[in-house]
Amino acid sequence: MLKTLDIVLVALVLFATTWTFGVKHEAEILEERLRVVERGIAHENETISLLEADWSLLNRPERLQRLATTFEGDLGLRPLEPRQMVTAQELPAEPARFEVTPDAALESFAANTAQRAVR
């Protein structure tokens, strides 16, 4: 009886040890994946900061004015005139939209094909 209990307890200890090692190994893998993701996030944040700094340098008013003056002839740039400012009500209406159904498209295609055949 005692030997059977000893064997069961040893098997239980071996199982618990193996399970604990497996859980520890999975946790280490997850920690490594977390570190990789955190490094990626830090890299993306650094890139965003650099791009924002670059954007602010490119949008400096004096630089834009210099470019506008330099390429005024090529691009046809002119200063904005007060009469060019309009309110939302003064904007032209949105053009009417029309929808083409598959049947209408097929009829139009057939009519165009028939006209080409006549020519």
C-alpha atoms as a PDB file:
ATOM      1  CA  MET A   1       0.000   0.000   0.000  1.00  0.00           C
ATOM      2  CA  LEU A   2       2.788   2.393   0.916  1.00  0.00           C
ATOM      3  CA  LYS A   3       4.649   1.720  -2.309  1.00  0.00           C
ATOM      4  CA  THR A   4       1.544   2.488  -4.396  1.00  0.00           C
ATOM      5  CA  LEU A   5       1.060   5.796  -2.571  1.00  0.00           C
ATOM      6  CA  ASP A   6       4.747   6.654  -3.063  1.00  0.00           C
ATOM      7  CA  ILE A   7       4.527   5.937  -6.786  1.00  0.00           C
ATOM      8  CA  VAL A   8       1.359   8.047  -7.126  1.00  0.00           C
ATOM      9  CA  LEU A   9       2.959  10.943  -5.204  1.00  0.00           C
ATOM     10  CA  VAL A  10       6.172  10.792  -7.280  1.00  0.00           C
ATOM     11  CA  ALA A  11       4.091  10.766 -10.483  1.00  0.00           C
ATOM     12  CA  LEU A  12       2.077  13.720  -9.173  1.00  0.00           C
ATOM     13  CA  VAL A  13       5.265  15.652  -8.346  1.00  0.00           C
ATOM     14  CA  LEU A  14       6.686  14.887 -11.815  1.00  0.00           C
ATOM     15  CA  PHE A  15       3.447  16.015 -13.462  1.00  0.00           C
ATOM     16  CA  ALA A  16       3.365  19.227 -11.379  1.00  0.00           C
ATOM     17  CA  THR A  17       7.025  19.923 -12.205  1.00  0.00           C
ATOM     18  CA  THR A  18       6.448  19.391 -15.922  1.00  0.00           C
ATOM     19  CA  TRP A  19       3.314  21.547 -15.909  1.00  0.00           C
ATOM     20  CA  THR A  20       5.105  24.317 -13.973  1.00  0.00           C
ATOM     21  CA  PHE A  21       8.001  24.255 -16.437  1.00  0.00           C
ATOM     22  CA  GLY A  22       5.564  24.465 -19.365  1.00  0.00           C
ATOM     23  CA  VAL A  23       3.746  27.445 -17.855  1.00  0.00           C
ATOM     24  CA  LYS A  24       7.072  29.176 -17.130  1.00  0.00           C
ATOM     25  CA  HIS A  25       8.241  28.586 -20.701  1.00  0.00           C
ATOM     26  CA  GLU A  26       4.994  29.993 -22.153  1.00  0.00           C
ATOM     27  CA  ALA A  27       5.296  33.053 -19.894  1.00  0.00           C
ATOM     28  CA  GLU A  28       8.861  33.674 -21.117  1.00  0.00           C
ATOM     29  CA  ILE A  29       7.718  33.440 -24.744  1.00  0.00           C
ATOM     30  CA  LEU A  30       4.889  35.907 -24.066  1.00  0.00           C
ATOM     31  CA  GLU A  31       7.272  38.286 -22.290  1.00  0.00           C
ATOM     32  CA  GLU A  32       9.617  38.216 -25.287  1.00  0.00           C
ATOM     33  CA  ARG A  33       6.725  38.930 -27.662  1.00  0.00           C
ATOM     34  CA  LEU A  34       5.680  41.803 -25.391  1.00  0.00           C
ATOM     35  CA  ARG A  35       9.204  43.242 -25.478  1.00  0.00           C
ATOM     36  CA  VAL A  36       9.222  43.042 -29.291  1.00  0.00           C
ATOM     37  CA  VAL A  37       5.852  44.819 -29.509  1.00  0.00           C
ATOM     38  CA  GLU A  38       6.958  47.489 -27.016  1.00  0.00           C
ATOM     39  CA  ARG A  39      10.157  48.089 -29.040  1.00  0.00           C
ATOM     40  CA  GLY A  40       8.038  48.422 -32.175  1.00  0.00           C
ATOM     41  CA  ILE A  41       5.719  50.902 -30.476  1.00  0.00           C
ATOM     42  CA  ALA A  42       8.685  52.942 -29.234  1.00  0.00           C
ATOM     43  CA  HIS A  43      10.155  52.952 -32.752  1.00  0.00           C
ATOM     44  CA  GLU A  44       6.829  54.075 -34.257  1.00  0.00           C
ATOM     45  CA  ASN A  45       6.479  56.840 -31.637  1.00  0.00           C
ATOM     46  CA  GLU A  46       9.995  58.037 -32.427  1.00  0.00           C
ATOM     47  CA  THR A  47       9.221  58.001 -36.138  1.00  0.00           C
ATOM     48  CA  ILE A  48       6.013  59.965 -35.555  1.00  0.00           C
ATOM     49  CA  SER A  49       7.926  62.554 -33.517  1.00  0.00           C
ATOM     50  CA  LEU A  50      10.511  62.925 -36.276  1.00  0.00           C
ATOM     51  CA  LEU A  51       7.833  63.257 -38.951  1.00  0.00           C
ATOM     52  CA  GLU A  52       5.964  65.866 -36.915  1.00  0.00           C
ATOM     53  CA  ALA A  53       9.175  67.859 -36.494  1.00  0.00           C
ATOM     54  CA  ASP A  54       9.879  67.552 -40.213  1.00  0.00           C
ATOM     55  CA  TRP A  55       6.325  68.644 -41.017  1.00  0.00           C
ATOM     56  CA  SER A  56       6.624  71.724 -38.812  1.00  0.00           C
ATOM     57  CA  LEU A  57       9.893  72.657 -40.541  1.00  0.00           C
ATOM     58  CA  LEU A  58       8.374  72.208 -43.996  1.00  0.00           C
ATOM     59  CA  ASN A  59       5.331  74.331 -43.122  1.00  0.00           C
ATOM     60  CA  ARG A  60       7.214  77.371 -41.850  1.00  0.00           C
ATOM     61  CA  PRO A  61       5.530  80.472 -43.365  1.00  0.00           C
ATOM     62  CA  GLU A  62       8.815  82.025 -44.508  1.00  0.00           C
ATOM     63  CA  ARG A  63       9.777  78.837 -46.349  1.00  0.00           C
ATOM     64  CA  LEU A  64       6.380  78.562 -48.009  1.00  0.00           C
ATOM     65  CA  GLN A  65       6.534  82.233 -49.028  1.00  0.00           C
ATOM     66  CA  ARG A  66       9.997  81.720 -50.523  1.00  0.00           C
ATOM     67  CA  LEU A  67       8.763  78.688 -52.497  1.00  0.00           C
ATOM     68  CA  ALA A  68       5.669  80.558 -53.666  1.00  0.00           C
ATOM     69  CA  THR A  69       7.834  83.441 -54.874  1.00  0.00           C
ATOM     70  CA  THR A  70      10.299  81.107 -56.572  1.00  0.00           C
ATOM     71  CA  PHE A  71       7.684  79.090 -58.454  1.00  0.00           C
ATOM     72  CA  GLU A  72       5.149  81.870 -58.991  1.00  0.00           C
ATOM     73  CA  GLY A  73       5.633  81.879 -62.762  1.00  0.00           C
ATOM     74  CA  ASP A  74       5.662  78.109 -63.178  1.00  0.00           C
ATOM     75  CA  LEU A  75       2.590  77.452 -61.038  1.00  0.00           C
ATOM     76  CA  GLY A  76       0.649  80.603 -61.817  1.00  0.00           C
ATOM     77  CA  LEU A  77       0.406  81.493 -58.135  1.00  0.00           C
ATOM     78  CA  ARG A  78      -1.118  84.829 -57.222  1.00  0.00           C
ATOM     79  CA  PRO A  79      -2.023  86.412 -53.901  1.00  0.00           C
ATOM     80  CA  LEU A  80      -5.529  85.719 -52.681  1.00  0.00           C
ATOM     81  CA  GLU A  81      -7.954  88.544 -53.396  1.00  0.00           C
ATOM     82  CA  PRO A  82     -10.851  89.463 -51.081  1.00  0.00           C
ATOM     83  CA  ARG A  83     -13.422  88.812 -53.824  1.00  0.00           C
ATOM     84  CA  GLN A  84     -12.293  85.160 -53.866  1.00  0.00           C
ATOM     85  CA  MET A  85     -13.666  84.608 -50.369  1.00  0.00           C
ATOM     86  CA  VAL A  86     -17.216  83.246 -50.417  1.00  0.00           C
ATOM     87  CA  THR A  87     -19.678  81.913 -47.921  1.00  0.00           C
ATOM     88  CA  ALA A  88     -21.042  78.386 -48.032  1.00  0.00           C
ATOM     89  CA  GLN A  89     -24.314  79.634 -49.546  1.00  0.00           C
ATOM     90  CA  GLU A  90     -22.437  81.218 -52.474  1.00  0.00           C
ATOM     91  CA  LEU A  91     -20.800  77.947 -53.497  1.00  0.00           C
ATOM     92  CA  PRO A  92     -22.274  76.263 -56.549  1.00  0.00           C
ATOM     93  CA  ALA A  93     -24.772  73.491 -55.912  1.00  0.00           C
ATOM     94  CA  GLU A  94     -23.574  69.929 -55.960  1.00  0.00           C
ATOM     95  CA  PRO A  95     -24.015  68.438 -59.411  1.00  0.00           C
ATOM     96  CA  ALA A  96     -26.932  66.077 -59.805  1.00  0.00           C
ATOM     97  CA  ARG A  97     -25.975  62.455 -59.412  1.00  0.00           C
ATOM     98  CA  PHE A  98     -27.365  59.746 -61.578  1.00  0.00           C
ATOM     99  CA  GLU A  99     -27.165  56.053 -61.108  1.00  0.00           C
ATOM    100  CA  VAL A 100     -26.636  53.574 -63.887  1.00  0.00           C
ATOM    101  CA  THR A 101     -28.505  50.347 -63.445  1.00  0.00           C
ATOM    102  CA  PRO A 102     -27.153  47.182 -65.048  1.00  0.00           C
ATOM    103  CA  ASP A 103     -30.138  47.103 -67.446  1.00  0.00           C
ATOM    104  CA  ALA A 104     -29.555  50.706 -68.568  1.00  0.00           C
ATOM    105  CA  ALA A 105     -25.851  50.028 -69.056  1.00  0.00           C
ATOM    106  CA  LEU A 106     -26.618  46.951 -71.140  1.00  0.00           C
ATOM    107  CA  GLU A 107     -29.116  48.886 -73.280  1.00  0.00           C
ATOM    108  CA  SER A 108     -26.612  51.710 -73.801  1.00  0.00           C
ATOM    109  CA  PHE A 109     -23.907  49.210 -74.768  1.00  0.00           C
ATOM    110  CA  ALA A 110     -26.265  47.480 -77.222  1.00  0.00           C
ATOM    111  CA  ALA A 111     -27.271  50.813 -78.781  1.00  0.00           C
ATOM    112  CA  ASN A 112     -23.626  51.882 -79.178  1.00  0.00           C
ATOM    113  CA  THR A 113     -22.725  48.528 -80.696  1.00  0.00           C
ATOM    114  CA  ALA A 114     -25.638  48.766 -83.149  1.00  0.00           C
ATOM    115  CA  GLN A 115     -24.578  52.286 -84.194  1.00  0.00           C
ATOM    116  CA  ARG A 116     -21.014  51.116 -84.817  1.00  0.00           C
ATOM    117  CA  ALA A 117     -22.269  48.215 -86.906  1.00  0.00           C
ATOM    118  CA  VAL A 118     -24.312  50.614 -89.087  1.00  0.00           C
ATOM    119  CA  ARG A 119     -21.256  52.768 -89.813  1.00  0.00           C
END
